[in-house]
Amino acid sequence: MERAKVRSSNLASIGYDNENHVLEVEFKTETVYQYFNVSESIFIAFMNAQSHGKFLNEHIVDNYKYRQIR
């Protein structure tokens, strides 16, 4: 999955698989997580958020199943 680099103190890049509704987040530590069943509207809001880290913590982390892939 391709990810776009973002300006964030903790996150390096964010990607989205529209067909499978998978959100992928890479942290600056090079850890990568995939979050499942994420709507495209949440992805768009995430990309447009003033603070990507705050949005991740408030809207994604506790609301979607995930797995660490790296």
N, C-alpha and C. Protein backbone atom coordinates (compact mmCIF):
# COMPACT_ATOMS: atom_id res chain seq x y z
N MET A 1 0.85 -1.17 0.00
CA MET A 1 0.00 0.00 0.00
C MET A 1 0.90 1.24 0.00
N GLU A 2 0.56 2.20 -0.83
CA GLU A 2 1.29 3.45 -0.84
C GLU A 2 0.82 4.33 0.31
N ARG A 3 1.77 5.01 0.94
CA ARG A 3 1.44 5.92 2.02
C ARG A 3 1.97 7.30 1.67
N ALA A 4 1.25 8.32 2.13
CA ALA A 4 1.67 9.71 1.94
C ALA A 4 2.37 10.18 3.20
N LYS A 5 3.49 10.87 3.03
CA LYS A 5 4.18 11.45 4.19
C LYS A 5 3.32 12.55 4.78
N VAL A 6 3.34 12.65 6.11
CA VAL A 6 2.57 13.68 6.81
C VAL A 6 3.48 14.44 7.75
N ARG A 7 3.09 15.67 8.05
CA ARG A 7 3.81 16.48 9.03
C ARG A 7 3.22 16.18 10.40
N SER A 8 3.99 15.52 11.21
CA SER A 8 3.53 15.11 12.54
C SER A 8 4.75 14.84 13.40
N SER A 9 4.60 15.04 14.69
CA SER A 9 5.72 14.75 15.59
C SER A 9 5.91 13.26 15.80
N ASN A 10 4.84 12.46 15.61
CA ASN A 10 4.93 11.02 15.85
C ASN A 10 4.70 10.15 14.62
N LEU A 11 3.94 10.64 13.64
CA LEU A 11 3.60 9.84 12.48
C LEU A 11 4.47 10.21 11.29
N ALA A 12 4.85 9.20 10.51
CA ALA A 12 5.66 9.43 9.31
C ALA A 12 4.80 9.44 8.05
N SER A 13 3.85 8.49 7.94
CA SER A 13 3.04 8.42 6.73
C SER A 13 1.72 7.71 7.00
N ILE A 14 0.76 7.96 6.10
CA ILE A 14 -0.58 7.40 6.21
C ILE A 14 -1.00 6.91 4.83
N GLY A 15 -1.60 5.71 4.78
CA GLY A 15 -2.11 5.17 3.53
C GLY A 15 -3.49 4.59 3.71
N TYR A 16 -4.16 4.38 2.59
CA TYR A 16 -5.52 3.84 2.66
C TYR A 16 -5.80 2.96 1.45
N ASP A 17 -6.34 1.79 1.70
CA ASP A 17 -6.78 0.86 0.66
C ASP A 17 -8.30 0.99 0.57
N ASN A 18 -8.76 1.72 -0.44
CA ASN A 18 -10.18 2.01 -0.59
C ASN A 18 -11.01 0.76 -0.85
N GLU A 19 -10.45 -0.21 -1.54
CA GLU A 19 -11.17 -1.44 -1.88
C GLU A 19 -11.43 -2.30 -0.64
N ASN A 20 -10.44 -2.36 0.25
CA ASN A 20 -10.55 -3.21 1.43
C ASN A 20 -10.81 -2.44 2.72
N HIS A 21 -10.87 -1.12 2.63
CA HIS A 21 -11.14 -0.25 3.79
C HIS A 21 -10.12 -0.44 4.90
N VAL A 22 -8.85 -0.48 4.49
CA VAL A 22 -7.75 -0.65 5.44
C VAL A 22 -6.94 0.65 5.49
N LEU A 23 -6.77 1.16 6.69
CA LEU A 23 -5.96 2.34 6.94
C LEU A 23 -4.61 1.87 7.46
N GLU A 24 -3.54 2.43 6.92
CA GLU A 24 -2.20 2.03 7.34
C GLU A 24 -1.48 3.26 7.87
N VAL A 25 -0.89 3.14 9.05
CA VAL A 25 -0.21 4.25 9.70
C VAL A 25 1.22 3.83 10.04
N GLU A 26 2.17 4.62 9.56
CA GLU A 26 3.57 4.40 9.89
C GLU A 26 4.01 5.47 10.88
N PHE A 27 4.59 5.04 11.97
CA PHE A 27 5.12 5.95 12.97
C PHE A 27 6.58 6.28 12.66
N LYS A 28 7.08 7.33 13.22
CA LYS A 28 8.47 7.72 12.99
C LYS A 28 9.44 6.68 13.53
N THR A 29 8.96 5.81 14.42
CA THR A 29 9.78 4.71 14.94
C THR A 29 9.87 3.57 13.92
N GLU A 30 9.20 3.73 12.76
CA GLU A 30 9.11 2.76 11.67
C GLU A 30 8.15 1.62 11.97
N THR A 31 7.42 1.70 13.07
CA THR A 31 6.36 0.74 13.36
C THR A 31 5.18 1.06 12.44
N VAL A 32 4.54 0.01 11.91
CA VAL A 32 3.41 0.20 11.01
C VAL A 32 2.21 -0.60 11.53
N TYR A 33 1.05 0.07 11.57
CA TYR A 33 -0.20 -0.57 11.98
C TYR A 33 -1.21 -0.47 10.85
N GLN A 34 -2.03 -1.51 10.74
CA GLN A 34 -3.17 -1.49 9.83
C GLN A 34 -4.44 -1.52 10.67
N TYR A 35 -5.38 -0.64 10.32
CA TYR A 35 -6.68 -0.56 10.99
C TYR A 35 -7.73 -0.98 9.98
N PHE A 36 -8.68 -1.81 10.41
CA PHE A 36 -9.62 -2.45 9.49
C PHE A 36 -11.02 -1.85 9.55
N ASN A 37 -11.71 -1.93 8.40
CA ASN A 37 -13.09 -1.44 8.24
C ASN A 37 -13.20 0.06 8.52
N VAL A 38 -12.21 0.80 8.06
CA VAL A 38 -12.20 2.25 8.21
C VAL A 38 -12.82 2.86 6.95
N SER A 39 -13.80 3.72 7.13
CA SER A 39 -14.46 4.34 5.98
C SER A 39 -13.55 5.36 5.32
N GLU A 40 -13.82 5.61 4.06
CA GLU A 40 -13.04 6.59 3.31
C GLU A 40 -13.21 7.99 3.93
N SER A 41 -14.39 8.28 4.46
CA SER A 41 -14.61 9.59 5.07
C SER A 41 -13.73 9.80 6.31
N ILE A 42 -13.50 8.74 7.07
CA ILE A 42 -12.60 8.84 8.23
C ILE A 42 -11.16 9.06 7.74
N PHE A 43 -10.77 8.35 6.71
CA PHE A 43 -9.43 8.54 6.14
C PHE A 43 -9.24 9.99 5.68
N ILE A 44 -10.21 10.53 4.97
CA ILE A 44 -10.12 11.91 4.48
C ILE A 44 -10.04 12.89 5.65
N ALA A 45 -10.87 12.68 6.66
CA ALA A 45 -10.82 13.55 7.84
C ALA A 45 -9.46 13.45 8.53
N PHE A 46 -8.91 12.25 8.59
CA PHE A 46 -7.60 12.01 9.19
C PHE A 46 -6.52 12.78 8.43
N MET A 47 -6.55 12.68 7.11
CA MET A 47 -5.55 13.36 6.29
C MET A 47 -5.68 14.88 6.40
N ASN A 48 -6.87 15.38 6.62
CA ASN A 48 -7.11 16.82 6.70
C ASN A 48 -7.03 17.38 8.11
N ALA A 49 -6.82 16.53 9.09
CA ALA A 49 -6.78 16.97 10.49
C ALA A 49 -5.58 17.89 10.74
N GLN A 50 -5.77 18.87 11.60
CA GLN A 50 -4.66 19.75 11.99
C GLN A 50 -3.59 18.96 12.73
N SER A 51 -4.02 18.02 13.57
CA SER A 51 -3.09 17.17 14.30
C SER A 51 -3.41 15.71 13.98
N HIS A 52 -2.54 15.08 13.20
CA HIS A 52 -2.77 13.67 12.83
C HIS A 52 -2.72 12.77 14.05
N GLY A 53 -1.79 13.03 14.95
CA GLY A 53 -1.67 12.21 16.16
C GLY A 53 -2.90 12.29 17.05
N LYS A 54 -3.42 13.50 17.23
CA LYS A 54 -4.62 13.69 18.05
C LYS A 54 -5.81 13.00 17.41
N PHE A 55 -5.95 13.13 16.09
CA PHE A 55 -7.06 12.48 15.38
C PHE A 55 -6.97 10.97 15.53
N LEU A 56 -5.77 10.43 15.36
CA LEU A 56 -5.56 8.99 15.49
C LEU A 56 -6.01 8.51 16.86
N ASN A 57 -5.58 9.20 17.90
CA ASN A 57 -5.91 8.80 19.27
C ASN A 57 -7.39 8.96 19.59
N GLU A 58 -8.02 10.02 19.07
CA GLU A 58 -9.41 10.31 19.41
C GLU A 58 -10.44 9.55 18.56
N HIS A 59 -10.07 9.19 17.32
CA HIS A 59 -11.07 8.64 16.41
C HIS A 59 -10.76 7.25 15.85
N ILE A 60 -9.54 6.79 16.00
CA ILE A 60 -9.18 5.53 15.33
C ILE A 60 -8.72 4.44 16.30
N VAL A 61 -7.77 4.74 17.17
CA VAL A 61 -7.11 3.71 17.99
C VAL A 61 -8.08 2.80 18.73
N ASP A 62 -9.04 3.33 19.44
CA ASP A 62 -9.95 2.49 20.23
C ASP A 62 -11.22 2.10 19.49
N ASN A 63 -11.34 2.51 18.23
CA ASN A 63 -12.58 2.27 17.49
C ASN A 63 -12.49 1.23 16.39
N TYR A 64 -11.27 0.79 16.06
CA TYR A 64 -11.11 -0.17 14.96
C TYR A 64 -10.17 -1.29 15.37
N LYS A 65 -10.44 -2.48 14.84
CA LYS A 65 -9.51 -3.59 15.03
C LYS A 65 -8.24 -3.26 14.24
N TYR A 66 -7.12 -3.74 14.73
CA TYR A 66 -5.85 -3.42 14.08
C TYR A 66 -4.86 -4.56 14.27
N ARG A 67 -3.78 -4.46 13.51
CA ARG A 67 -2.65 -5.37 13.70
C ARG A 67 -1.37 -4.60 13.37
N GLN A 68 -0.33 -4.97 14.06
CA GLN A 68 0.98 -4.40 13.77
C GLN A 68 1.61 -5.24 12.67
N ILE A 69 2.08 -4.60 11.60
CA ILE A 69 2.71 -5.36 10.51
C ILE A 69 4.20 -5.14 10.44
N ARG A 70 4.71 -4.15 11.18
CA ARG A 70 6.15 -3.94 11.25
C ARG A 70 6.48 -3.18 12.52
